[in-house]
PDB file of N, CA and C in Angstrom:
ATOM      1  N   UNK A   1       2.751  67.210  24.270  1.00  0.00           N
ATOM      2  CA  UNK A   1       2.814  65.729  25.302  1.00  0.00           C
ATOM      3  C   UNK A   1       3.837  66.428  26.530  1.00  0.00           C
ATOM      4  N   UNK A   2       4.339  67.389  26.883  1.00  0.00           N
ATOM      5  CA  UNK A   2       4.882  67.877  27.925  1.00  0.00           C
ATOM      6  C   UNK A   2       4.299  67.722  29.228  1.00  0.00           C
ATOM      7  N   UNK A   3       5.225  66.533  30.067  1.00  0.00           N
ATOM      8  CA  UNK A   3       4.475  66.518  31.446  1.00  0.00           C
ATOM      9  C   UNK A   3       3.736  65.021  30.977  1.00  0.00           C
ATOM     10  N   UNK A   4       2.833  64.573  30.247  1.00  0.00           N
ATOM     11  CA  UNK A   4       2.873  62.860  29.755  1.00  0.00           C
ATOM     12  C   UNK A   4       3.770  62.300  29.684  1.00  0.00           C
ATOM     13  N   UNK A   5       3.296  60.981  30.492  1.00  0.00           N
ATOM     14  CA  UNK A   5       3.937  59.747  30.195  1.00  0.00           C
ATOM     15  C   UNK A   5       3.579  59.240  29.492  1.00  0.00           C
ATOM     16  N   UNK A   6       4.867  58.511  28.298  1.00  0.00           N
ATOM     17  CA  UNK A   6       4.350  57.725  27.659  1.00  0.00           C
ATOM     18  C   UNK A   6       3.814  56.265  28.061  1.00  0.00           C
ATOM     19  N   UNK A   7       3.058  55.323  27.365  1.00  0.00           N
ATOM     20  CA  UNK A   7       2.237  54.223  27.564  1.00  0.00           C
ATOM     21  C   UNK A   7       2.902  53.403  26.560  1.00  0.00           C
ATOM     22  N   UNK A   8       2.787  51.978  26.764  1.00  0.00           N
ATOM     23  CA  UNK A   8       2.373  50.841  25.650  1.00  0.00           C
ATOM     24  C   UNK A   8       3.656  51.492  24.164  1.00  0.00           C
ATOM     25  N   UNK A   9       2.648  51.749  22.829  1.00  0.00           N
ATOM     26  CA  UNK A   9       3.810  51.694  21.873  1.00  0.00           C
ATOM     27  C   UNK A   9       4.401  53.218  22.025  1.00  0.00           C
ATOM     28  N   UNK A  10       3.855  54.342  22.236  1.00  0.00           N
ATOM     29  CA  UNK A  10       4.324  55.432  22.392  1.00  0.00           C
ATOM     30  C   UNK A  10       5.639  55.281  22.695  1.00  0.00           C
ATOM     31  N   UNK A  11       5.496  54.523  24.597  1.00  0.00           N
ATOM     32  CA  UNK A  11       6.697  54.632  24.957  1.00  0.00           C
ATOM     33  C   UNK A  11       7.894  53.716  24.466  1.00  0.00           C
ATOM     34  N   UNK A  12       7.162  52.684  23.707  1.00  0.00           N
ATOM     35  CA  UNK A  12       8.723  52.116  23.037  1.00  0.00           C
ATOM     36  C   UNK A  12       8.864  52.606  21.657  1.00  0.00           C
ATOM     37  N   UNK A  13       8.418  53.126  20.987  1.00  0.00           N
ATOM     38  CA  UNK A  13       8.699  53.746  20.098  1.00  0.00           C
ATOM     39  C   UNK A  13       9.797  54.939  20.848  1.00  0.00           C
ATOM     40  N   UNK A  14       9.185  55.767  21.717  1.00  0.00           N
ATOM     41  CA  UNK A  14      10.184  56.737  21.987  1.00  0.00           C
ATOM     42  C   UNK A  14      11.613  56.160  22.247  1.00  0.00           C
ATOM     43  N   UNK A  15      11.266  54.833  23.086  1.00  0.00           N
ATOM     44  CA  UNK A  15      13.139  54.526  23.592  1.00  0.00           C
ATOM     45  C   UNK A  15      13.716  54.599  22.324  1.00  0.00           C
ATOM     46  N   UNK A  16      12.984  53.829  21.220  1.00  0.00           N
ATOM     47  CA  UNK A  16      14.070  52.610  19.818  1.00  0.00           C
ATOM     48  C   UNK A  16      14.333  54.194  19.390  1.00  0.00           C
ATOM     49  N   UNK A  17      13.501  55.326  19.191  1.00  0.00           N
ATOM     50  CA  UNK A  17      14.129  56.477  18.491  1.00  0.00           C
ATOM     51  C   UNK A  17      15.388  57.495  19.198  1.00  0.00           C
ATOM     52  N   UNK A  18      15.377  57.165  20.337  1.00  0.00           N
ATOM     53  CA  UNK A  18      16.098  57.527  21.144  1.00  0.00           C
ATOM     54  C   UNK A  18      16.833  56.671  21.055  1.00  0.00           C
ATOM     55  N   UNK A  19      17.268  55.237  21.389  1.00  0.00           N
ATOM     56  CA  UNK A  19      18.537  54.418  21.348  1.00  0.00           C
ATOM     57  C   UNK A  19      18.901  54.801  19.701  1.00  0.00           C
ATOM     58  N   UNK A  20      18.269  55.050  18.884  1.00  0.00           N
ATOM     59  CA  UNK A  20      18.937  54.841  17.459  1.00  0.00           C
ATOM     60  C   UNK A  20      19.751  56.376  17.457  1.00  0.00           C
ATOM     61  N   UNK A  21      19.535  57.321  17.970  1.00  0.00           N
ATOM     62  CA  UNK A  21      19.809  58.679  18.104  1.00  0.00           C
ATOM     63  C   UNK A  21      21.619  58.684  18.938  1.00  0.00           C
ATOM     64  N   UNK A  22      21.359  57.400  19.893  1.00  0.00           N
ATOM     65  CA  UNK A  22      22.368  57.268  20.650  1.00  0.00           C
ATOM     66  C   UNK A  22      23.469  56.491  19.655  1.00  0.00           C
ATOM     67  N   UNK A  23      22.829  55.541  19.078  1.00  0.00           N
ATOM     68  CA  UNK A  23      23.607  54.850  18.218  1.00  0.00           C
ATOM     69  C   UNK A  23      24.330  55.686  16.981  1.00  0.00           C
ATOM     70  N   UNK A  24      24.152  56.872  16.392  1.00  0.00           N
ATOM     71  CA  UNK A  24      23.998  57.859  15.369  1.00  0.00           C
ATOM     72  C   UNK A  24      24.918  58.910  15.639  1.00  0.00           C
ATOM     73  N   UNK A  25      25.039  59.025  17.014  1.00  0.00           N
ATOM     74  CA  UNK A  25      25.558  59.875  17.712  1.00  0.00           C
ATOM     75  C   UNK A  25      27.122  59.598  18.115  1.00  0.00           C
ATOM     76  N   UNK A  26      27.382  58.409  18.515  1.00  0.00           N
ATOM     77  CA  UNK A  26      28.143  57.497  18.913  1.00  0.00           C
ATOM     78  C   UNK A  26      29.164  57.149  17.619  1.00  0.00           C
ATOM     79  N   UNK A  27      28.234  56.919  16.626  1.00  0.00           N
ATOM     80  CA  UNK A  27      28.976  56.514  15.355  1.00  0.00           C
ATOM     81  C   UNK A  27      29.674  58.209  14.631  1.00  0.00           C
ATOM     82  N   UNK A  28      29.120  58.794  14.828  1.00  0.00           N
ATOM     83  CA  UNK A  28      29.585  60.179  14.016  1.00  0.00           C
ATOM     84  C   UNK A  28      30.684  60.722  15.390  1.00  0.00           C
ATOM     85  N   UNK A  29      30.411  60.711  16.541  1.00  0.00           N
ATOM     86  CA  UNK A  29      31.639  61.326  17.118  1.00  0.00           C
ATOM     87  C   UNK A  29      32.746  60.700  17.957  1.00  0.00           C
ATOM     88  N   UNK A  30      32.434  59.127  17.631  1.00  0.00           N
ATOM     89  CA  UNK A  30      33.452  58.284  18.856  1.00  0.00           C
ATOM     90  C   UNK A  30      33.993  56.968  17.846  1.00  0.00           C
ATOM     91  N   UNK A  31      35.185  57.488  17.330  1.00  0.00           N
ATOM     92  CA  UNK A  31      36.402  56.868  16.377  1.00  0.00           C
ATOM     93  C   UNK A  31      36.125  55.461  17.031  1.00  0.00           C
ATOM     94  N   UNK A  32      36.636  55.345  18.420  1.00  0.00           N
ATOM     95  CA  UNK A  32      36.503  53.952  18.634  1.00  0.00           C
ATOM     96  C   UNK A  32      34.848  52.900  18.511  1.00  0.00           C
ATOM     97  N   UNK A  33      34.148  53.410  18.883  1.00  0.00           N
ATOM     98  CA  UNK A  33      32.955  53.443  18.475  1.00  0.00           C
ATOM     99  C   UNK A  33      32.536  52.326  17.020  1.00  0.00           C
ATOM    100  N   UNK A  34      33.470  53.367  16.188  1.00  0.00           N
ATOM    101  CA  UNK A  34      32.958  53.168  14.962  1.00  0.00           C
ATOM    102  C   UNK A  34      34.437  52.103  14.461  1.00  0.00           C
ATOM    103  N   UNK A  35      35.310  52.008  14.926  1.00  0.00           N
ATOM    104  CA  UNK A  35      36.269  50.691  14.921  1.00  0.00           C
ATOM    105  C   UNK A  35      35.161  49.244  15.371  1.00  0.00           C
ATOM    106  N   UNK A  36      35.017  49.253  16.199  1.00  0.00           N
ATOM    107  CA  UNK A  36      34.329  48.460  16.998  1.00  0.00           C
ATOM    108  C   UNK A  36      33.225  47.667  15.794  1.00  0.00           C
ATOM    109  N   UNK A  37      32.434  48.693  15.798  1.00  0.00           N
ATOM    110  CA  UNK A  37      31.222  48.220  14.801  1.00  0.00           C
ATOM    111  C   UNK A  37      31.791  47.701  13.561  1.00  0.00           C
ATOM    112  N   UNK A  38      32.737  47.689  13.003  1.00  0.00           N
ATOM    113  CA  UNK A  38      33.345  47.273  12.103  1.00  0.00           C
ATOM    114  C   UNK A  38      34.019  45.846  12.572  1.00  0.00           C
ATOM    115  N   UNK A  39      34.589  45.811  13.723  1.00  0.00           N
ATOM    116  CA  UNK A  39      35.013  44.153  14.156  1.00  0.00           C
ATOM    117  C   UNK A  39      33.484  43.357  14.327  1.00  0.00           C
ATOM    118  N   UNK A  40      32.900  44.172  14.891  1.00  0.00           N
ATOM    119  CA  UNK A  40      31.312  43.184  15.132  1.00  0.00           C
ATOM    120  C   UNK A  40      30.892  43.289  13.986  1.00  0.00           C
ATOM    121  N   UNK A  41      30.753  43.864  12.969  1.00  0.00           N
ATOM    122  CA  UNK A  41      30.122  43.685  11.740  1.00  0.00           C
ATOM    123  C   UNK A  41      30.773  42.200  10.825  1.00  0.00           C
ATOM    124  N   UNK A  42      32.360  42.299  11.084  1.00  0.00           N
ATOM    125  CA  UNK A  42      33.187  41.457  10.590  1.00  0.00           C
ATOM    126  C   UNK A  42      32.757  40.113  11.582  1.00  0.00           C
ATOM    127  N   UNK A  43      32.471  40.178  12.141  1.00  0.00           N
ATOM    128  CA  UNK A  43      32.677  38.890  13.563  1.00  0.00           C
ATOM    129  C   UNK A  43      31.425  38.248  13.764  1.00  0.00           C
ATOM    130  N   UNK A  44      30.864  38.883  13.449  1.00  0.00           N
ATOM    131  CA  UNK A  44      28.826  38.268  13.784  1.00  0.00           C
ATOM    132  C   UNK A  44      29.178  37.067  12.530  1.00  0.00           C
ATOM    133  N   UNK A  45      29.022  37.236  11.034  1.00  0.00           N
ATOM    134  CA  UNK A  45      28.985  36.430  10.304  1.00  0.00           C
ATOM    135  C   UNK A  45      30.216  34.846  10.374  1.00  0.00           C
ATOM    136  N   UNK A  46      31.457  35.627  10.703  1.00  0.00           N
ATOM    137  CA  UNK A  46      32.539  34.725  11.190  1.00  0.00           C
ATOM    138  C   UNK A  46      32.131  33.680  12.558  1.00  0.00           C
ATOM    139  N   UNK A  47      31.488  34.248  13.505  1.00  0.00           N
ATOM    140  CA  UNK A  47      31.064  33.500  14.612  1.00  0.00           C
ATOM    141  C   UNK A  47      29.778  32.603  14.013  1.00  0.00           C
ATOM    142  N   UNK A  48      29.376  32.864  13.573  1.00  0.00           N
ATOM    143  CA  UNK A  48      28.128  32.199  12.683  1.00  0.00           C
ATOM    144  C   UNK A  48      28.840  30.866  12.210  1.00  0.00           C
ATOM    145  N   UNK A  49      30.148  31.195  11.815  1.00  0.00           N
ATOM    146  CA  UNK A  49      30.681  30.065  10.683  1.00  0.00           C
ATOM    147  C   UNK A  49      30.868  29.273  11.451  1.00  0.00           C
ATOM    148  N   UNK A  50      32.099  29.561  12.388  1.00  0.00           N
ATOM    149  CA  UNK A  50      32.853  28.927  13.303  1.00  0.00           C
ATOM    150  C   UNK A  50      32.427  28.481  14.925  1.00  0.00           C
ATOM    151  N   UNK A  51      31.230  28.631  15.268  1.00  0.00           N
ATOM    152  CA  UNK A  51      30.521  28.024  16.100  1.00  0.00           C
ATOM    153  C   UNK A  51      29.909  26.652  15.347  1.00  0.00           C
ATOM    154  N   UNK A  52      30.321  25.678  16.594  1.00  0.00           N
ATOM    155  CA  UNK A  52      29.399  25.080  15.608  1.00  0.00           C
ATOM    156  C   UNK A  52      28.384  24.135  16.490  1.00  0.00           C
ATOM    157  N   UNK A  53      27.907  25.227  17.372  1.00  0.00           N
ATOM    158  CA  UNK A  53      26.649  24.860  17.913  1.00  0.00           C
ATOM    159  C   UNK A  53      25.854  26.036  18.199  1.00  0.00           C
ATOM    160  N   UNK A  54      24.435  26.369  18.992  1.00  0.00           N
ATOM    161  CA  UNK A  54      24.168  27.475  19.373  1.00  0.00           C
ATOM    162  C   UNK A  54      24.760  28.107  20.525  1.00  0.00           C
ATOM    163  N   UNK A  55      25.352  27.548  21.373  1.00  0.00           N
ATOM    164  CA  UNK A  55      26.171  27.867  22.603  1.00  0.00           C
ATOM    165  C   UNK A  55      26.749  28.720  22.173  1.00  0.00           C
ATOM    166  N   UNK A  56      27.889  27.934  21.214  1.00  0.00           N
ATOM    167  CA  UNK A  56      28.805  29.135  21.028  1.00  0.00           C
ATOM    168  C   UNK A  56      28.741  29.855  20.076  1.00  0.00           C
ATOM    169  N   UNK A  57      27.768  29.536  18.954  1.00  0.00           N
ATOM    170  CA  UNK A  57      27.767  30.873  18.342  1.00  0.00           C
ATOM    171  C   UNK A  57      26.912  32.447  19.327  1.00  0.00           C
ATOM    172  N   UNK A  58      25.991  31.807  19.969  1.00  0.00           N
ATOM    173  CA  UNK A  58      25.950  32.722  21.288  1.00  0.00           C
ATOM    174  C   UNK A  58      27.131  33.785  21.814  1.00  0.00           C
ATOM    175  N   UNK A  59      27.769  32.684  22.244  1.00  0.00           N
ATOM    176  CA  UNK A  59      29.351  33.153  23.152  1.00  0.00           C
ATOM    177  C   UNK A  59      29.755  34.218  21.845  1.00  0.00           C
ATOM    178  N   UNK A  60      30.159  34.006  20.912  1.00  0.00           N
ATOM    179  CA  UNK A  60      30.871  34.146  20.352  1.00  0.00           C
ATOM    180  C   UNK A  60      30.618  36.098  19.499  1.00  0.00           C
ATOM    181  N   UNK A  61      29.164  36.000  19.475  1.00  0.00           N
ATOM    182  CA  UNK A  61      28.627  36.992  19.120  1.00  0.00           C
ATOM    183  C   UNK A  61      28.188  38.001  20.207  1.00  0.00           C
ATOM    184  N   UNK A  62      27.677  37.059  21.281  1.00  0.00           N
ATOM    185  CA  UNK A  62      27.485  37.878  22.440  1.00  0.00           C
ATOM    186  C   UNK A  62      28.678  39.079  22.976  1.00  0.00           C
ATOM    187  N   UNK A  63      29.645  38.563  23.188  1.00  0.00           N
ATOM    188  CA  UNK A  63      31.042  39.183  23.878  1.00  0.00           C
ATOM    189  C   UNK A  63      31.238  40.403  22.532  1.00  0.00           C
ATOM    190  N   UNK A  64      31.118  40.032  21.683  1.00  0.00           N
ATOM    191  CA  UNK A  64      31.219  41.204  20.514  1.00  0.00           C
ATOM    192  C   UNK A  64      30.244  42.426  20.534  1.00  0.00           C
ATOM    193  N   UNK A  65      29.002  42.181  20.998  1.00  0.00           N
ATOM    194  CA  UNK A  65      27.950  43.265  20.889  1.00  0.00           C
ATOM    195  C   UNK A  65      28.612  43.582  22.510  1.00  0.00           C
ATOM    196  N   UNK A  66      28.816  42.735  23.868  1.00  0.00           N
ATOM    197  CA  UNK A  66      29.360  43.209  24.887  1.00  0.00           C
ATOM    198  C   UNK A  66      30.025  44.458  24.858  1.00  0.00           C
ATOM    199  N   UNK A  67      31.633  44.237  23.674  1.00  0.00           N
ATOM    200  CA  UNK A  67      32.239  45.556  23.768  1.00  0.00           C
ATOM    201  C   UNK A  67      31.340  46.743  22.912  1.00  0.00           C
ATOM    202  N   UNK A  68      30.342  46.770  22.513  1.00  0.00           N
ATOM    203  CA  UNK A  68      29.685  47.702  21.803  1.00  0.00           C
ATOM    204  C   UNK A  68      28.956  48.228  23.151  1.00  0.00           C
ATOM    205  N   UNK A  69      28.044  47.441  23.773  1.00  0.00           N
ATOM    206  CA  UNK A  69      27.304  48.037  24.998  1.00  0.00           C
ATOM    207  C   UNK A  69      28.703  48.720  26.326  1.00  0.00           C
ATOM    208  N   UNK A  70      29.437  48.186  26.124  1.00  0.00           N
ATOM    209  CA  UNK A  70      30.267  48.794  27.359  1.00  0.00           C
ATOM    210  C   UNK A  70      31.020  50.127  26.649  1.00  0.00           C
ATOM    211  N   UNK A  71      31.372  49.833  25.495  1.00  0.00           N
ATOM    212  CA  UNK A  71      32.243  51.427  24.963  1.00  0.00           C
ATOM    213  C   UNK A  71      31.331  52.375  24.682  1.00  0.00           C
ATOM    214  N   UNK A  72      29.580  51.967  24.728  1.00  0.00           N
ATOM    215  CA  UNK A  72      28.322  53.199  24.518  1.00  0.00           C
ATOM    216  C   UNK A  72      28.425  53.777  26.373  1.00  0.00           C
ATOM    217  N   UNK A  73      28.335  52.970  26.968  1.00  0.00           N
ATOM    218  CA  UNK A  73      28.571  53.662  28.553  1.00  0.00           C
ATOM    219  C   UNK A  73      29.784  53.992  28.890  1.00  0.00           C
ATOM    220  N   UNK A  74      31.113  53.630  28.348  1.00  0.00           N
ATOM    221  CA  UNK A  74      31.904  54.421  28.155  1.00  0.00           C
ATOM    222  C   UNK A  74      32.089  55.852  28.059  1.00  0.00           C
ATOM    223  N   UNK A  75      31.228  55.568  26.956  1.00  0.00           N
ATOM    224  CA  UNK A  75      31.167  57.194  25.873  1.00  0.00           C
ATOM    225  C   UNK A  75      30.455  57.908  26.632  1.00  0.00           C
ATOM    226  N   UNK A  76      29.066  57.523  27.561  1.00  0.00           N
ATOM    227  CA  UNK A  76      28.206  58.587  27.922  1.00  0.00           C
ATOM    228  C   UNK A  76      29.336  58.839  29.189  1.00  0.00           C
ATOM    229  N   UNK A  77      30.028  57.980  29.676  1.00  0.00           N
ATOM    230  CA  UNK A  77      30.363  58.655  31.051  1.00  0.00           C
ATOM    231  C   UNK A  77      31.306  59.884  30.671  1.00  0.00           C
ATOM    232  N   UNK A  78      32.223  59.382  29.205  1.00  0.00           N
ATOM    233  CA  UNK A  78      33.082  60.611  28.842  1.00  0.00           C
ATOM    234  C   UNK A  78      32.050  62.125  29.310  1.00  0.00           C
ATOM    235  N   UNK A  79      31.361  61.572  27.862  1.00  0.00           N
ATOM    236  CA  UNK A  79      30.373  63.062  28.025  1.00  0.00           C
ATOM    237  C   UNK A  79      29.635  63.956  28.820  1.00  0.00           C
ATOM    238  N   UNK A  80      29.328  62.618  29.586  1.00  0.00           N
ATOM    239  CA  UNK A  80      28.978  63.225  30.930  1.00  0.00           C
ATOM    240  C   UNK A  80      29.885  64.339  31.689  1.00  0.00           C
ATOM    241  N   UNK A  81      31.246  63.913  32.044  1.00  0.00           N
ATOM    242  CA  UNK A  81      32.281  64.664  32.556  1.00  0.00           C
ATOM    243  C   UNK A  81      32.775  65.801  31.657  1.00  0.00           C
ATOM    244  N   UNK A  82      32.421  65.541  29.973  1.00  0.00           N
ATOM    245  CA  UNK A  82      33.064  66.719  29.196  1.00  0.00           C
ATOM    246  C   UNK A  82      31.838  67.657  29.537  1.00  0.00           C
ATOM    247  N   UNK A  83      31.304  67.390  29.625  1.00  0.00           N
ATOM    248  CA  UNK A  83      29.544  68.658  29.908  1.00  0.00           C
ATOM    249  C   UNK A  83      29.846  68.888  31.731  1.00  0.00           C
ATOM    250  N   UNK A  84      30.549  68.791  32.012  1.00  0.00           N
ATOM    251  CA  UNK A  84      30.578  69.120  33.547  1.00  0.00           C
ATOM    252  C   UNK A  84      31.914  70.247  33.803  1.00  0.00           C
ATOM    253  N   UNK A  85      33.168  69.967  32.599  1.00  0.00           N
ATOM    254  CA  UNK A  85      33.664  70.679  32.608  1.00  0.00           C
ATOM    255  C   UNK A  85      35.246  70.117  32.114  1.00  0.00           C
ATOM    256  N   UNK A  86      36.310  70.847  31.343  1.00  0.00           N
ATOM    257  CA  UNK A  86      37.364  70.549  30.595  1.00  0.00           C
ATOM    258  C   UNK A  86      38.550  70.413  31.831  1.00  0.00           C
ATOM    259  N   UNK A  87      38.058  71.094  32.961  1.00  0.00           N
ATOM    260  CA  UNK A  87      39.749  71.083  33.987  1.00  0.00           C
ATOM    261  C   UNK A  87      39.919  69.988  34.232  1.00  0.00           C
ATOM    262  N   UNK A  88      40.810  70.112  34.715  1.00  0.00           N
ATOM    263  CA  UNK A  88      41.268  68.860  34.915  1.00  0.00           C
ATOM    264  C   UNK A  88      41.089  68.392  36.725  1.00  0.00           C
ATOM    265  N   UNK A  89      40.400  67.574  37.177  1.00  0.00           N
ATOM    266  CA  UNK A  89      40.199  66.740  38.249  1.00  0.00           C
ATOM    267  C   UNK A  89      40.050  65.323  38.706  1.00  0.00           C
ATOM    268  N   UNK A  90      40.903  65.069  39.732  1.00  0.00           N
ATOM    269  CA  UNK A  90      41.402  63.679  39.814  1.00  0.00           C
ATOM    270  C   UNK A  90      39.477  62.785  39.861  1.00  0.00           C
ATOM    271  N   UNK A  91      38.943  63.318  40.043  1.00  0.00           N
ATOM    272  CA  UNK A  91      37.886  62.206  40.194  1.00  0.00           C
ATOM    273  C   UNK A  91      37.045  62.247  38.937  1.00  0.00           C
ATOM    274  N   UNK A  92      37.394  63.377  37.915  1.00  0.00           N
ATOM    275  CA  UNK A  92      37.154  62.912  36.484  1.00  0.00           C
ATOM    276  C   UNK A  92      37.714  62.081  35.440  1.00  0.00           C
ATOM    277  N   UNK A  93      38.689  62.611  35.961  1.00  0.00           N
ATOM    278  CA  UNK A  93      40.037  61.782  35.389  1.00  0.00           C
ATOM    279  C   UNK A  93      40.057  60.163  35.782  1.00  0.00           C
ATOM    280  N   UNK A  94      39.702  59.866  36.876  1.00  0.00           N
ATOM    281  CA  UNK A  94      39.051  58.372  37.377  1.00  0.00           C
ATOM    282  C   UNK A  94      38.623  57.656  36.864  1.00  0.00           C
ATOM    283  N   UNK A  95      36.951  58.906  36.552  1.00  0.00           N
ATOM    284  CA  UNK A  95      35.734  57.937  36.048  1.00  0.00           C
ATOM    285  C   UNK A  95      35.930  57.287  34.837  1.00  0.00           C
ATOM    286  N   UNK A  96      36.807  58.710  33.928  1.00  0.00           N
ATOM    287  CA  UNK A  96      36.987  58.149  32.591  1.00  0.00           C
ATOM    288  C   UNK A  96      38.056  57.093  32.632  1.00  0.00           C
ATOM    289  N   UNK A  97      39.052  56.879  33.478  1.00  0.00           N
ATOM    290  CA  UNK A  97      40.026  55.433  33.478  1.00  0.00           C
ATOM    291  C   UNK A  97      39.133  54.683  33.516  1.00  0.00           C
ATOM    292  N   UNK A  98      38.048  54.345  34.726  1.00  0.00           N
ATOM    293  CA  UNK A  98      37.451  53.528  35.056  1.00  0.00           C
ATOM    294  C   UNK A  98      36.654  52.641  33.621  1.00  0.00           C
ATOM    295  N   UNK A  99      35.774  54.170  32.924  1.00  0.00           N
ATOM    296  CA  UNK A  99      35.209  53.508  31.562  1.00  0.00           C
ATOM    297  C   UNK A  99      36.522  52.703  30.750  1.00  0.00           C
ATOM    298  N   UNK A 100      36.969  53.117  30.597  1.00  0.00           N
ATOM    299  CA  UNK A 100      38.655  52.763  29.722  1.00  0.00           C
ATOM    300  C   UNK A 100      38.599  51.207  30.043  1.00  0.00           C
ATOM    301  N   UNK A 101      38.982  51.195  31.637  1.00  0.00           N
ATOM    302  CA  UNK A 101      39.189  49.371  32.223  1.00  0.00           C
ATOM    303  C   UNK A 101      38.129  48.986  31.289  1.00  0.00           C
ATOM    304  N   UNK A 102      36.571  49.535  31.640  1.00  0.00           N
ATOM    305  CA  UNK A 102      35.761  48.466  31.466  1.00  0.00           C
ATOM    306  C   UNK A 102      35.759  47.930  29.831  1.00  0.00           C
ATOM    307  N   UNK A 103      36.034  49.104  29.227  1.00  0.00           N
ATOM    308  CA  UNK A 103      36.012  48.761  27.488  1.00  0.00           C
ATOM    309  C   UNK A 103      37.478  47.913  27.560  1.00  0.00           C
ATOM    310  N   UNK A 104      38.346  47.560  28.015  1.00  0.00           N
ATOM    311  CA  UNK A 104      39.554  46.951  28.142  1.00  0.00           C
ATOM    312  C   UNK A 104      39.136  45.829  28.407  1.00  0.00           C
ATOM    313  N   UNK A 105      38.686  45.432  29.523  1.00  0.00           N
ATOM    314  CA  UNK A 105      38.195  44.111  30.360  1.00  0.00           C
ATOM    315  C   UNK A 105      37.121  43.814  28.884  1.00  0.00           C
ATOM    316  N   UNK A 106      36.360  44.316  28.639  1.00  0.00           N
ATOM    317  CA  UNK A 106      35.145  43.437  27.561  1.00  0.00           C
ATOM    318  C   UNK A 106      35.843  43.020  26.313  1.00  0.00           C
ATOM    319  N   UNK A 107      36.751  44.016  25.703  1.00  0.00           N
ATOM    320  CA  UNK A 107      37.991  43.537  24.798  1.00  0.00           C
ATOM    321  C   UNK A 107      38.780  41.821  25.428  1.00  0.00           C
ATOM    322  N   UNK A 108      39.470  42.066  26.305  1.00  0.00           N
ATOM    323  CA  UNK A 108      40.077  40.839  26.835  1.00  0.00           C
ATOM    324  C   UNK A 108      39.178  39.563  26.886  1.00  0.00           C
ATOM    325  N   UNK A 109      37.477  39.632  27.348  1.00  0.00           N
ATOM    326  CA  UNK A 109      36.698  38.625  27.559  1.00  0.00           C
ATOM    327  C   UNK A 109      36.846  38.359  26.247  1.00  0.00           C
ATOM    328  N   UNK A 110      35.955  39.537  25.352  1.00  0.00           N
ATOM    329  CA  UNK A 110      35.682  38.702  24.018  1.00  0.00           C
ATOM    330  C   UNK A 110      37.039  37.811  22.759  1.00  0.00           C
ATOM    331  N   UNK A 111      38.257  38.350  23.099  1.00  0.00           N
ATOM    332  CA  UNK A 111      39.590  37.984  23.002  1.00  0.00           C
ATOM    333  C   UNK A 111      39.695  36.274  23.502  1.00  0.00           C
ATOM    334  N   UNK A 112      39.007  36.125  24.958  1.00  0.00           N
ATOM    335  CA  UNK A 112      39.466  34.605  25.730  1.00  0.00           C
ATOM    336  C   UNK A 112      38.637  33.720  24.915  1.00  0.00           C
ATOM    337  N   UNK A 113      37.102  34.539  24.777  1.00  0.00           N
ATOM    338  CA  UNK A 113      36.146  33.382  24.633  1.00  0.00           C
ATOM    339  C   UNK A 113      36.428  32.647  23.242  1.00  0.00           C
ATOM    340  N   UNK A 114      36.921  34.061  22.136  1.00  0.00           N
ATOM    341  CA  UNK A 114      37.012  33.665  20.589  1.00  0.00           C
ATOM    342  C   UNK A 114      38.447  32.704  20.578  1.00  0.00           C
ATOM    343  N   UNK A 115      39.341  32.516  21.411  1.00  0.00           N
ATOM    344  CA  UNK A 115      40.719  32.006  21.518  1.00  0.00           C
ATOM    345  C   UNK A 115      39.709  30.867  21.956  1.00  0.00           C
ATOM    346  N   UNK A 116      39.430  30.498  22.683  1.00  0.00           N
ATOM    347  CA  UNK A 116      38.764  28.832  23.697  1.00  0.00           C
ATOM    348  C   UNK A 116      38.130  28.143  22.487  1.00  0.00           C
ATOM    349  N   UNK A 117      37.169  29.192  22.043  1.00  0.00           N
ATOM    350  CA  UNK A 117      36.192  28.625  20.887  1.00  0.00           C
ATOM    351  C   UNK A 117      37.234  28.113  19.634  1.00  0.00           C
ATOM    352  N   UNK A 118      38.287  28.862  19.404  1.00  0.00           N
ATOM    353  CA  UNK A 118      39.127  28.073  18.260  1.00  0.00           C
ATOM    354  C   UNK A 118      39.676  27.250  18.684  1.00  0.00           C
ATOM    355  N   UNK A 119      40.558  26.903  19.680  1.00  0.00           N
ATOM    356  CA  UNK A 119      41.654  26.161  20.102  1.00  0.00           C
ATOM    357  C   UNK A 119      40.392  24.493  20.530  1.00  0.00           C
ATOM    358  N   UNK A 120      39.351  24.584  20.478  1.00  0.00           N
ATOM    359  CA  UNK A 120      38.576  23.847  21.168  1.00  0.00           C
ATOM    360  C   UNK A 120      39.186  22.762  20.445  1.00  0.00           C
TER     361      UNK A 120
END
């Protein structure tokens, strides 16, 4: 199938298997991802219980899933920078810091949303 473009179900299946491989790689190689997965696994049932309507439940769960999304993107940036080389470079450090800051803000967002829902 080299050079052949996948369409329909074959494309969906390939994308799905690549996604599972990415989640598995993150779980095996990224401690922060494992910790955040545990937070999400605990937070989803709690969010379903705490949320008083669909909007609150969606917000509580959505911000937790957003943390995982941002962590995966941060890990992708880090892996790419490390693939290029391990020598210190200002732009490499800046790229990693930007990714870390994005994770930080996603965690702040999650905390703010949970706090606002809890103190309603």
